[in-house]
Protein backbone atom coordinates (compact mmCIF):
# COMPACT_ATOMS: atom_id res chain seq x y z
CA UNK A 1 -12.76 -14.24 -28.58
CA UNK A 2 -10.50 -14.39 -31.90
CA UNK A 3 -8.20 -17.18 -31.81
CA UNK A 4 -4.83 -16.10 -32.67
CA UNK A 5 -2.87 -19.47 -32.18
CA UNK A 6 -0.70 -20.40 -34.92
CA UNK A 7 1.45 -24.13 -34.53
CA UNK A 8 3.91 -23.07 -37.14
CA UNK A 9 7.46 -22.73 -36.18
CA UNK A 10 8.33 -19.11 -34.40
CA UNK A 11 10.94 -16.91 -36.19
CA UNK A 12 11.91 -14.55 -33.22
CA UNK A 13 13.74 -16.66 -30.76
CA UNK A 14 14.29 -15.36 -27.04
CA UNK A 15 17.78 -17.05 -27.19
CA UNK A 16 18.79 -15.04 -30.24
CA UNK A 17 17.18 -11.59 -28.53
CA UNK A 18 18.99 -12.13 -25.28
CA UNK A 19 22.14 -12.80 -26.98
CA UNK A 20 22.00 -10.10 -29.34
CA UNK A 21 21.01 -7.41 -26.74
CA UNK A 22 23.70 -8.93 -24.21
CA UNK A 23 26.37 -9.90 -26.66
CA UNK A 24 27.14 -13.00 -24.75
CA UNK A 25 27.25 -16.55 -25.32
CA UNK A 26 24.49 -18.93 -24.21
CA UNK A 27 26.71 -20.52 -21.36
CA UNK A 28 27.07 -17.02 -19.92
CA UNK A 29 23.38 -16.39 -19.85
CA UNK A 30 22.68 -19.59 -17.90
CA UNK A 31 20.33 -19.64 -15.27
CA UNK A 32 19.13 -21.76 -12.26
CA UNK A 33 15.93 -23.84 -12.14
CA UNK A 34 13.41 -21.30 -10.28
CA UNK A 35 12.88 -17.50 -10.90
CA UNK A 36 10.58 -15.11 -8.51
CA UNK A 37 9.16 -12.10 -10.36
CA UNK A 38 7.92 -8.93 -8.60
CA UNK A 39 6.59 -5.92 -10.39
CA UNK A 40 8.09 -2.98 -8.17
CA UNK A 41 11.24 -2.25 -6.41
CA UNK A 42 10.48 -2.44 -2.93
CA UNK A 43 9.25 -5.92 -3.23
CA UNK A 44 12.35 -6.95 -4.79
CA UNK A 45 14.52 -5.41 -2.01
CA UNK A 46 12.37 -7.61 0.42
CA UNK A 47 13.65 -10.56 -1.58
CA UNK A 48 16.82 -9.71 -1.96
CA UNK A 49 18.44 -7.86 1.06
CA UNK A 50 20.49 -9.70 3.30
CA UNK A 51 20.26 -12.85 0.97
CA UNK A 52 23.90 -12.26 -0.57
CA UNK A 53 21.93 -11.67 -3.78
CA UNK A 54 24.55 -10.55 -6.95
CA UNK A 55 23.51 -9.00 -10.19
CA UNK A 56 24.12 -11.26 -12.92
CA UNK A 57 26.39 -9.22 -14.82
CA UNK A 58 25.84 -11.07 -18.45
CA UNK A 59 22.24 -10.23 -18.37
CA UNK A 60 22.74 -6.68 -17.59
CA UNK A 61 21.62 -4.34 -18.31
CA UNK A 62 19.06 -6.05 -20.62
CA UNK A 63 17.35 -7.62 -17.61
CA UNK A 64 18.33 -6.99 -14.27
CA UNK A 65 18.59 -10.38 -12.50
CA UNK A 66 19.85 -11.04 -8.69
CA UNK A 67 20.95 -14.46 -8.03
CA UNK A 68 20.34 -15.82 -4.43
CA UNK A 69 23.68 -16.87 -2.79
CA UNK A 70 23.61 -20.75 -2.08
CA UNK A 71 20.13 -21.01 -4.01
CA UNK A 72 18.91 -22.46 -7.35
CA UNK A 73 16.73 -19.30 -7.29
CA UNK A 74 17.04 -15.69 -9.19
CA UNK A 75 14.79 -12.73 -8.47
CA UNK A 76 13.92 -10.35 -11.21
CA UNK A 77 11.45 -7.40 -11.91
CA UNK A 78 8.97 -7.02 -14.60
CA UNK A 79 6.94 -4.18 -16.06
CA UNK A 80 3.15 -4.60 -15.51
CA UNK A 81 1.05 -6.27 -18.27
CA UNK A 82 0.75 -9.78 -20.09
CA UNK A 83 3.06 -9.06 -22.86
CA UNK A 84 6.19 -8.19 -20.42
CA UNK A 85 5.39 -11.26 -18.45
CA UNK A 86 5.42 -13.26 -21.41
CA UNK A 87 8.60 -11.95 -22.85
CA UNK A 88 10.62 -12.30 -19.64
CA UNK A 89 9.38 -15.92 -19.31
CA UNK A 90 10.50 -16.65 -22.78
CA UNK A 91 13.78 -15.30 -22.25
CA UNK A 92 14.48 -16.92 -18.48
CA UNK A 93 13.23 -20.44 -19.77
CA UNK A 94 15.06 -20.29 -22.79
CA UNK A 95 18.41 -20.36 -20.57
CA UNK A 96 17.29 -22.73 -17.94
CA UNK A 97 14.36 -21.53 -15.68
CA UNK A 98 11.67 -24.19 -15.21
CA UNK A 99 9.78 -22.47 -12.16
CA UNK A 100 8.11 -19.33 -12.06
CA UNK A 101 6.69 -17.75 -8.65
CA UNK A 102 4.84 -14.67 -9.18
CA UNK A 103 4.53 -11.74 -6.77
CA UNK A 104 1.30 -9.67 -7.95
CA UNK A 105 -1.42 -7.53 -6.90
CA UNK A 106 -5.04 -7.06 -7.46
CA UNK A 107 -8.44 -5.16 -7.16
CA UNK A 108 -10.80 -7.14 -4.81
CA UNK A 109 -14.29 -7.88 -5.81
CA UNK A 110 -17.26 -9.18 -3.93
CA UNK A 111 -17.79 -9.58 -0.34
CA UNK A 112 -15.17 -11.65 0.40
CA UNK A 113 -12.20 -9.73 -0.46
CA UNK A 114 -10.30 -7.06 1.78
CA UNK A 115 -7.39 -4.86 1.30
CA UNK A 116 -4.38 -6.67 2.31
CA UNK A 117 -5.75 -10.14 1.75
CA UNK A 118 -3.17 -12.49 -0.09
CA UNK A 119 -4.57 -15.24 -2.26
CA UNK A 120 -3.14 -17.82 -4.43
CA UNK A 121 -4.47 -17.40 -8.24
CA UNK A 122 -6.15 -20.72 -9.24
CA UNK A 123 -7.58 -20.13 -12.69
CA UNK A 124 -7.82 -16.93 -14.55
CA UNK A 125 -10.47 -15.47 -16.85
CA UNK A 126 -9.03 -14.90 -20.20
CA UNK A 127 -9.60 -11.18 -21.00
CA UNK A 128 -6.14 -10.06 -22.33
CA UNK A 129 -4.24 -10.91 -25.77
CA UNK A 130 -1.08 -13.33 -24.73
CA UNK A 131 -2.79 -16.21 -24.03
CA UNK A 132 -4.63 -16.56 -27.35
CA UNK A 133 -1.38 -16.72 -29.21
CA UNK A 134 0.02 -19.53 -26.68
CA UNK A 135 -2.87 -21.78 -26.49
CA UNK A 136 -4.88 -23.60 -29.31
CA UNK A 137 -7.83 -24.14 -26.45
CA UNK A 138 -10.51 -22.01 -26.68
CA UNK A 139 -11.71 -22.05 -23.13
CA UNK A 140 -11.95 -18.75 -21.39
CA UNK A 141 -10.50 -19.69 -18.36
CA UNK A 142 -6.93 -20.89 -17.92
CA UNK A 143 -5.09 -22.44 -15.06
CA UNK A 144 -1.67 -23.91 -13.85
CA UNK A 145 -1.16 -27.38 -12.63
CA UNK A 146 1.44 -26.14 -10.39
CA UNK A 147 -1.03 -24.36 -8.05
CA UNK A 148 -1.93 -27.85 -6.68
CA UNK A 149 1.72 -28.31 -5.11
CA UNK A 150 1.12 -24.98 -3.35
CA UNK A 151 -2.31 -25.42 -2.01
CA UNK A 152 -1.15 -26.70 1.32
CA UNK A 153 1.36 -24.24 1.95
CA UNK A 154 -1.20 -21.29 1.14
CA UNK A 155 -3.94 -22.73 3.25
CA UNK A 156 -1.41 -22.67 6.18
CA UNK A 157 -0.65 -19.22 5.39
CA UNK A 158 -4.45 -18.43 5.36
CA UNK A 159 -3.93 -17.43 1.55
CA UNK A 160 -7.34 -18.88 -0.43
CA UNK A 161 -7.42 -20.08 -3.99
CA UNK A 162 -9.24 -17.63 -5.87
CA UNK A 163 -10.42 -17.22 -9.57
CA UNK A 164 -9.55 -14.14 -11.07
CA UNK A 165 -9.94 -11.60 -14.16
CA UNK A 166 -6.87 -10.61 -16.27
CA UNK A 167 -7.55 -7.89 -18.55
CA UNK A 168 -5.15 -5.83 -20.81
CA UNK A 169 -7.52 -2.59 -20.35
CA UNK A 170 -6.94 -1.30 -16.86
CA UNK A 171 -9.35 1.55 -17.59
CA UNK A 172 -12.09 -0.68 -18.88
CA UNK A 173 -12.92 -2.13 -15.77
CA UNK A 174 -16.60 -1.48 -16.04
CA UNK A 175 -19.63 -2.16 -13.68
CA UNK A 176 -21.08 -4.75 -15.69
CA UNK A 177 -18.24 -6.82 -16.38
CA UNK A 178 -17.33 -6.51 -12.57
CA UNK A 179 -20.92 -7.76 -11.94
CA UNK A 180 -20.54 -10.59 -14.44
CA UNK A 181 -17.32 -11.99 -12.94
CA UNK A 182 -18.39 -11.78 -9.39
CA UNK A 183 -21.61 -13.63 -10.86
CA UNK A 184 -18.93 -16.34 -11.88
CA UNK A 185 -17.51 -16.78 -8.66
CA UNK A 186 -14.50 -14.55 -9.58
CA UNK A 187 -13.24 -12.24 -7.33
CA UNK A 188 -10.09 -10.43 -8.08
CA UNK A 189 -9.00 -8.73 -11.15
CA UNK A 190 -5.44 -7.76 -12.46
CA UNK A 191 -3.34 -7.62 -16.01
CA UNK A 192 -0.98 -10.59 -15.99
CA UNK A 193 -1.97 -14.02 -14.34
CA UNK A 194 -3.77 -15.52 -17.70
CA UNK A 195 -0.66 -14.42 -19.77
CA UNK A 196 1.68 -16.08 -16.98
CA UNK A 197 -0.34 -19.29 -16.53
CA UNK A 198 -0.70 -19.45 -20.63
CA UNK A 199 2.95 -19.31 -21.34
CA UNK A 200 3.54 -21.98 -18.75
CA UNK A 201 1.24 -24.38 -19.98
CA UNK A 202 2.36 -23.94 -23.81
CA UNK A 203 6.03 -24.46 -22.61
CA UNK A 204 5.68 -27.02 -20.23
CA UNK A 205 6.85 -24.91 -17.53
CA UNK A 206 5.62 -24.63 -13.63
CA UNK A 207 4.06 -21.27 -12.47
CA UNK A 208 2.04 -20.23 -9.21
CA UNK A 209 0.97 -16.64 -8.49
CA UNK A 210 0.44 -14.96 -5.38
CA UNK A 211 -1.60 -11.71 -5.13
CA UNK A 212 -1.69 -9.06 -2.41
CA UNK A 213 -5.43 -7.14 -2.95
CA UNK A 214 -4.57 -3.61 -3.18
CA UNK A 215 -7.99 -1.88 -3.60
CA UNK A 216 -11.62 -2.69 -3.97
CA UNK A 217 -14.58 -2.49 -6.49
CA UNK A 218 -17.37 -2.05 -4.24
CA UNK A 219 -20.90 -3.31 -4.52
CA UNK A 220 -22.37 0.32 -5.31
CA UNK A 221 -19.98 0.61 -8.19
CA UNK A 222 -17.33 2.77 -6.70
CA UNK A 223 -13.67 2.04 -6.15
CA UNK A 224 -11.58 2.28 -3.28
CA UNK A 225 -7.59 2.65 -2.77
CA UNK A 226 -5.85 0.56 -0.32
CA UNK A 227 -2.43 1.22 -1.51
CA UNK A 228 -1.44 3.25 1.63
CA UNK A 229 -3.25 1.53 4.22
CA UNK A 230 -1.96 -0.44 7.09
CA UNK A 231 -4.00 -3.46 5.90
CA UNK A 232 -2.11 -3.34 2.89
CA UNK A 233 1.29 -3.08 3.89
CA UNK A 234 0.66 -6.00 6.44
CA UNK A 235 -0.53 -8.12 3.63
CA UNK A 236 2.60 -7.04 1.69
CA UNK A 237 4.72 -8.08 4.79
CA UNK A 238 2.88 -11.52 5.00
CA UNK A 239 3.62 -12.45 1.45
CA UNK A 240 7.18 -11.26 1.75
CA UNK A 241 7.52 -13.73 4.74
CA UNK A 242 5.80 -16.50 2.64
CA UNK A 243 8.25 -15.81 -0.46
CA UNK A 244 11.39 -15.96 1.75
CA UNK A 245 10.47 -19.21 3.49
CA UNK A 246 8.79 -21.14 0.68
CA UNK A 247 9.64 -19.55 -2.76
CA UNK A 248 13.40 -19.57 -2.39
CA UNK A 249 14.75 -22.90 -3.75
């Protein structure tokens, strides 16, 4: 992989971008310590409804950030993909967020994954672009040091720690690459975690990612959707309970 890391000073600053697009002063954009990030509106509602959540008007409509009443936690939604996660983390951390909890989805690979499984992402194979801009390290895997603090709670909830494959190329998940990943003990694929963990490591942030298996890559080289199955819905409910109990600070 070509190395894109450059240690020189960045020119485009997230504080400047957020200020320019919201027309607010830094103190108006101040954020609490923790952020929970989701990818769809239904999951956002699962984390905010009945919680006395309020939109932080200073950020809207640039970012729709929900502050959970009586907590030090905000909840927001990101578009899919590593570049979107990286930009969101840059902006939120520039105004106070130091801990990021991600609620994501993944495609299961190999015999140990089933639709509806919930997993804690341990390390991620870096087949995306963002991590190579943030880390000078040329290892092809990236992890978050904060995952160690979550393994006990994850184990109690029945969530295994797994290694995953992060790729930008959704429609280039080929048979050979899937077999290669399974051979390395990687048992899921998605589009954000390597970027998510790389930004956290580069900026001294805490980050942990939990994923629900939404679809499967089968041993015979076929793909199976699980998005509308009961098992998938049960997995989503299980992670929603966990997030509401453990991820809100």
